[in-house]
N, C-alpha and C. Protein backbone atom coordinates (compact mmCIF):
# COMPACT_ATOMS: atom_id res chain seq x y z
N MET A 1 77.19 122.15 116.21
CA MET A 1 76.89 122.78 115.19
C MET A 1 75.54 122.75 114.93
N ILE A 2 74.90 124.23 114.85
CA ILE A 2 73.57 124.34 114.50
C ILE A 2 73.29 124.37 112.57
N ARG A 3 72.59 123.33 111.89
CA ARG A 3 72.77 123.38 110.78
C ARG A 3 71.35 124.71 110.47
N ARG A 4 71.19 125.33 109.61
CA ARG A 4 70.36 125.84 109.03
C ARG A 4 69.67 124.95 107.88
N PRO A 5 68.38 124.91 107.33
CA PRO A 5 68.00 124.03 106.80
C PRO A 5 68.81 124.91 105.34
N PRO A 6 68.56 124.38 103.79
CA PRO A 6 68.95 125.04 103.03
C PRO A 6 67.88 125.90 102.43
N ARG A 7 67.98 127.07 102.20
CA ARG A 7 67.17 127.90 101.41
C ARG A 7 67.44 128.12 99.57
N SER A 8 65.69 127.57 99.21
CA SER A 8 65.93 127.52 97.71
C SER A 8 65.73 128.79 96.59
N THR A 9 65.89 129.87 97.99
CA THR A 9 66.21 131.26 97.07
C THR A 9 66.84 131.97 97.99
N LEU A 10 66.94 133.15 97.11
CA LEU A 10 67.75 134.33 98.33
C LEU A 10 66.96 135.78 99.05
N PHE A 11 65.04 135.57 98.43
CA PHE A 11 64.00 136.03 98.65
C PHE A 11 64.56 137.24 99.99
N PRO A 12 64.28 135.63 101.09
CA PRO A 12 63.75 136.21 102.11
C PRO A 12 65.38 137.27 102.48
N TYR A 13 66.50 136.93 102.31
CA TYR A 13 67.66 137.69 102.16
C TYR A 13 67.80 139.21 101.55
N THR A 14 67.50 139.24 100.48
CA THR A 14 67.50 140.62 99.76
C THR A 14 66.14 141.18 99.90
N THR A 15 65.40 140.55 100.21
CA THR A 15 64.33 141.84 100.52
C THR A 15 64.65 142.23 102.01
N LEU A 16 65.55 141.75 102.92
CA LEU A 16 65.67 142.50 104.08
C LEU A 16 67.07 143.09 103.97
N PHE A 17 67.73 143.07 103.02
CA PHE A 17 68.63 143.57 102.50
C PHE A 17 68.45 145.20 101.85
N ARG A 18 67.26 145.25 100.91
CA ARG A 18 67.14 146.56 100.29
C ARG A 18 65.97 146.65 101.21
N SER A 19 65.66 146.49 101.93
CA SER A 19 64.57 147.08 102.95
C SER A 19 64.95 148.14 104.43
N ALA A 20 66.68 147.60 104.25
CA ALA A 20 67.46 147.87 105.58
C ALA A 20 68.33 149.30 105.00
N LEU A 21 68.16 149.38 103.83
CA LEU A 21 68.60 150.42 102.96
C LEU A 21 67.72 151.20 102.63
N ASP A 22 66.39 151.04 102.84
CA ASP A 22 65.79 151.54 102.16
C ASP A 22 65.20 151.78 100.95
N ARG A 23 65.67 150.66 99.89
CA ARG A 23 66.12 150.62 97.88
C ARG A 23 65.30 149.79 97.71
N SER A 24 64.45 150.38 96.29
CA SER A 24 63.09 149.28 96.12
C SER A 24 63.87 148.42 94.62
N GLN A 25 63.41 147.40 94.14
CA GLN A 25 63.56 146.62 92.79
C GLN A 25 63.97 147.44 91.94
N THR A 26 63.64 148.20 91.99
CA THR A 26 63.26 149.41 91.03
C THR A 26 64.74 150.30 90.67
N GLU A 27 65.03 150.96 91.96
CA GLU A 27 66.10 151.75 92.34
C GLU A 27 67.15 150.89 92.03
N LEU A 28 67.33 149.77 92.68
CA LEU A 28 68.75 149.15 92.21
C LEU A 28 68.71 148.97 90.83
N ALA A 29 67.48 147.98 90.16
CA ALA A 29 67.65 148.33 88.74
C ALA A 29 68.72 148.66 88.16
N ALA A 30 67.63 150.48 88.03
CA ALA A 30 68.28 151.11 87.62
C ALA A 30 69.97 151.49 87.72
N GLU A 31 70.18 151.34 88.77
CA GLU A 31 71.32 151.55 89.20
C GLU A 31 72.46 150.08 88.13
N LEU A 32 71.98 148.70 88.40
CA LEU A 32 72.67 147.89 87.82
C LEU A 32 72.18 147.90 86.17
N GLY A 33 71.93 148.66 85.62
CA GLY A 33 71.56 148.71 84.43
C GLY A 33 70.36 147.70 84.20
N ILE A 34 69.43 146.91 84.35
CA ILE A 34 68.59 146.24 84.15
C ILE A 34 66.95 146.45 84.86
N SER A 35 66.40 145.81 84.23
CA SER A 35 65.18 145.98 85.10
C SER A 35 64.78 145.42 86.18
N GLN A 36 63.75 145.46 86.34
CA GLN A 36 62.85 145.43 87.89
C GLN A 36 62.75 144.04 88.06
N SER A 37 62.01 143.73 86.89
CA SER A 37 61.90 142.42 86.75
C SER A 37 63.41 141.24 86.58
N ALA A 38 63.98 141.76 85.92
CA ALA A 38 65.42 141.02 86.30
C ALA A 38 65.63 140.86 87.76
N ILE A 39 65.80 141.77 88.51
CA ILE A 39 65.78 142.10 89.82
C ILE A 39 64.57 141.25 90.52
N SER A 40 63.89 140.77 90.57
CA SER A 40 62.62 139.90 91.13
C SER A 40 63.25 138.78 90.37
N GLN A 41 63.45 138.11 89.31
CA GLN A 41 64.26 136.91 89.24
C GLN A 41 64.91 137.06 89.98
N LEU A 42 66.21 137.56 90.05
CA LEU A 42 67.44 137.21 90.65
C LEU A 42 66.85 137.00 92.14
N GLU A 43 65.32 137.41 92.87
CA GLU A 43 66.03 137.01 93.92
C GLU A 43 65.20 136.18 94.70
N ARG A 44 64.19 135.76 93.57
CA ARG A 44 63.88 134.70 93.59
C ARG A 44 64.26 133.11 93.24
N ALA A 45 65.36 133.55 91.98
CA ALA A 45 66.35 132.18 91.71
C ALA A 45 66.69 130.99 92.41
N GLY A 46 66.46 130.20 92.53
CA GLY A 46 67.38 129.20 93.13
C GLY A 46 68.95 129.12 92.69
N ASP A 47 69.17 129.22 91.54
CA ASP A 47 71.17 129.22 91.53
C ASP A 47 70.74 130.38 90.74
N VAL A 48 72.05 130.80 91.66
CA VAL A 48 72.38 132.30 91.16
C VAL A 48 74.07 132.42 90.99
N LYS A 49 74.50 132.94 89.63
CA LYS A 49 76.45 132.95 89.69
C LYS A 49 76.94 133.94 90.54
N LEU A 50 77.66 133.19 91.31
CA LEU A 50 78.23 134.57 92.50
C LEU A 50 78.89 135.72 91.88
N SER A 51 79.14 135.76 90.43
CA SER A 51 79.66 137.03 89.88
C SER A 51 78.28 137.99 89.91
N THR A 52 77.06 137.67 89.63
CA THR A 52 75.85 138.07 89.65
C THR A 52 75.22 138.43 91.06
N LEU A 53 75.43 137.28 91.75
CA LEU A 53 75.13 138.00 93.79
C LEU A 53 76.26 138.77 93.97
N ARG A 54 77.61 138.59 93.53
CA ARG A 54 79.04 139.82 94.00
C ARG A 54 77.96 141.13 93.46
N ASN A 55 77.84 141.62 92.38
CA ASN A 55 77.46 142.58 91.85
C ASN A 55 75.92 142.95 92.57
N TYR A 56 75.41 142.46 92.60
CA TYR A 56 74.14 142.64 93.76
C TYR A 56 74.23 143.30 94.86
N LEU A 57 75.34 142.45 95.41
CA LEU A 57 75.49 143.00 96.94
C LEU A 57 76.26 144.49 96.81
N GLU A 58 77.52 144.28 96.13
CA GLU A 58 78.06 145.48 95.80
C GLU A 58 77.11 146.64 96.10
N HIS A 59 76.56 146.46 94.69
CA HIS A 59 75.22 148.33 94.52
C HIS A 59 74.58 147.92 95.68
N LEU A 60 74.50 147.30 96.78
CA LEU A 60 73.89 147.40 98.08
C LEU A 60 75.04 147.95 99.09
N GLY A 61 75.91 148.01 98.85
CA GLY A 61 77.25 148.39 99.91
C GLY A 61 77.92 147.24 100.45
N ALA A 62 77.87 146.07 100.36
CA ALA A 62 77.91 145.01 100.92
C ALA A 62 79.52 144.25 99.73
N ARG A 63 79.96 143.47 100.38
CA ARG A 63 81.05 142.32 99.99
C ARG A 63 80.48 141.05 100.01
N LEU A 64 80.63 140.13 98.85
CA LEU A 64 80.68 138.34 98.92
C LEU A 64 81.54 137.82 99.37
N GLU A 65 81.59 136.86 100.89
CA GLU A 65 82.09 136.06 101.19
C GLU A 65 81.93 134.68 100.97
N LEU A 66 83.66 134.11 100.49
CA LEU A 66 82.67 132.09 100.76
C LEU A 66 83.68 131.84 100.89
N LEU A 67 83.09 130.75 101.96
CA LEU A 67 84.06 130.11 102.68
C LEU A 67 83.91 128.78 102.00
N ALA A 68 84.72 127.56 102.78
CA ALA A 68 84.80 126.18 101.92
C ALA A 68 85.10 125.55 103.21
N ILE A 69 84.07 124.95 104.10
CA ILE A 69 83.83 124.26 105.30
C ILE A 69 84.26 122.65 105.31
N PHE A 70 85.27 122.29 105.37
CA PHE A 70 85.49 120.86 106.09
C PHE A 70 85.25 120.29 106.98
N GLU A 71 84.59 119.73 107.00
CA GLU A 71 83.96 118.83 108.55
C GLU A 71 84.87 117.29 108.52
N GLY A 72 85.65 117.18 109.80
CA GLY A 72 85.96 115.68 109.84
C GLY A 72 85.72 115.32 111.18
N ASP A 73 85.70 114.26 111.85
CA ASP A 73 85.35 113.72 112.87
C ASP A 73 85.17 114.61 114.44
N ASP A 74 86.71 115.01 114.48
CA ASP A 74 87.42 116.02 115.46
C ASP A 74 86.86 117.73 115.02
N GLU A 75 87.42 117.86 114.38
CA GLU A 75 87.76 119.27 113.66
C GLU A 75 87.40 119.75 112.55
N GLU A 76 86.76 121.22 112.45
CA GLU A 76 86.83 121.38 111.15
C GLU A 76 87.39 122.65 110.08
N HIS A 77 87.33 122.37 109.02
CA HIS A 77 88.44 123.51 108.27
C HIS A 77 87.82 124.46 107.56
N VAL A 78 88.47 125.96 107.84
CA VAL A 78 87.10 126.44 107.16
C VAL A 78 89.25 127.20 105.94
N ILE A 79 88.37 127.11 104.66
CA ILE A 79 89.07 128.07 103.68
C ILE A 79 88.16 129.14 103.17
N PRO A 80 88.63 130.40 103.40
CA PRO A 80 88.09 131.47 102.27
C PRO A 80 88.34 130.96 101.00
N ILE A 81 87.84 131.49 100.21
CA ILE A 81 87.54 131.60 98.63
C ILE A 81 87.80 132.43 98.15
N HIS A 82 88.65 133.06 97.42
CA HIS A 82 88.72 134.76 96.56
C HIS A 82 87.76 134.60 95.42
N ILE A 83 86.89 135.57 95.52
CA ILE A 83 86.18 135.94 94.94
C ILE A 83 86.01 137.12 93.96
N GLY A 84 86.34 137.81 92.98
CA GLY A 84 86.39 139.32 92.17
C GLY A 84 87.96 139.94 92.71
N ASP A 85 88.06 140.84 93.69
CA ASP A 85 89.24 141.85 93.12
C ASP A 85 89.85 141.28 94.81
N LYS A 86 89.04 141.23 95.58
CA LYS A 86 89.50 140.83 96.87
C LYS A 86 89.60 139.50 97.48
N ILE A 87 90.39 139.39 98.30
CA ILE A 87 90.81 137.94 99.00
C ILE A 87 89.21 137.71 100.08
N ALA A 88 88.37 136.71 100.55
CA ALA A 88 87.90 136.67 101.81
C ALA A 88 88.87 136.66 102.90
N SER A 89 87.75 137.02 103.68
CA SER A 89 89.10 136.86 105.25
C SER A 89 88.08 136.54 106.15
């Protein structure tokens, strides 16, 4: 299994999400009812509440799925964790 190094911010991903959807921080902020600087802070934050991230992603047309992965010597157990109104699949 290839392990990705941990990222300290969401910035590389959120910029890609917004660019792919041709959305600016200002447009997204208006939809969320917050300031553009709050979007910038969210994207650069090292620790984000799941509810905040879920709301951000929902406004980009995505959903958040969270998996707990337990690794054993010979096998891996993956358990979806419920976030919000829908169960992760």
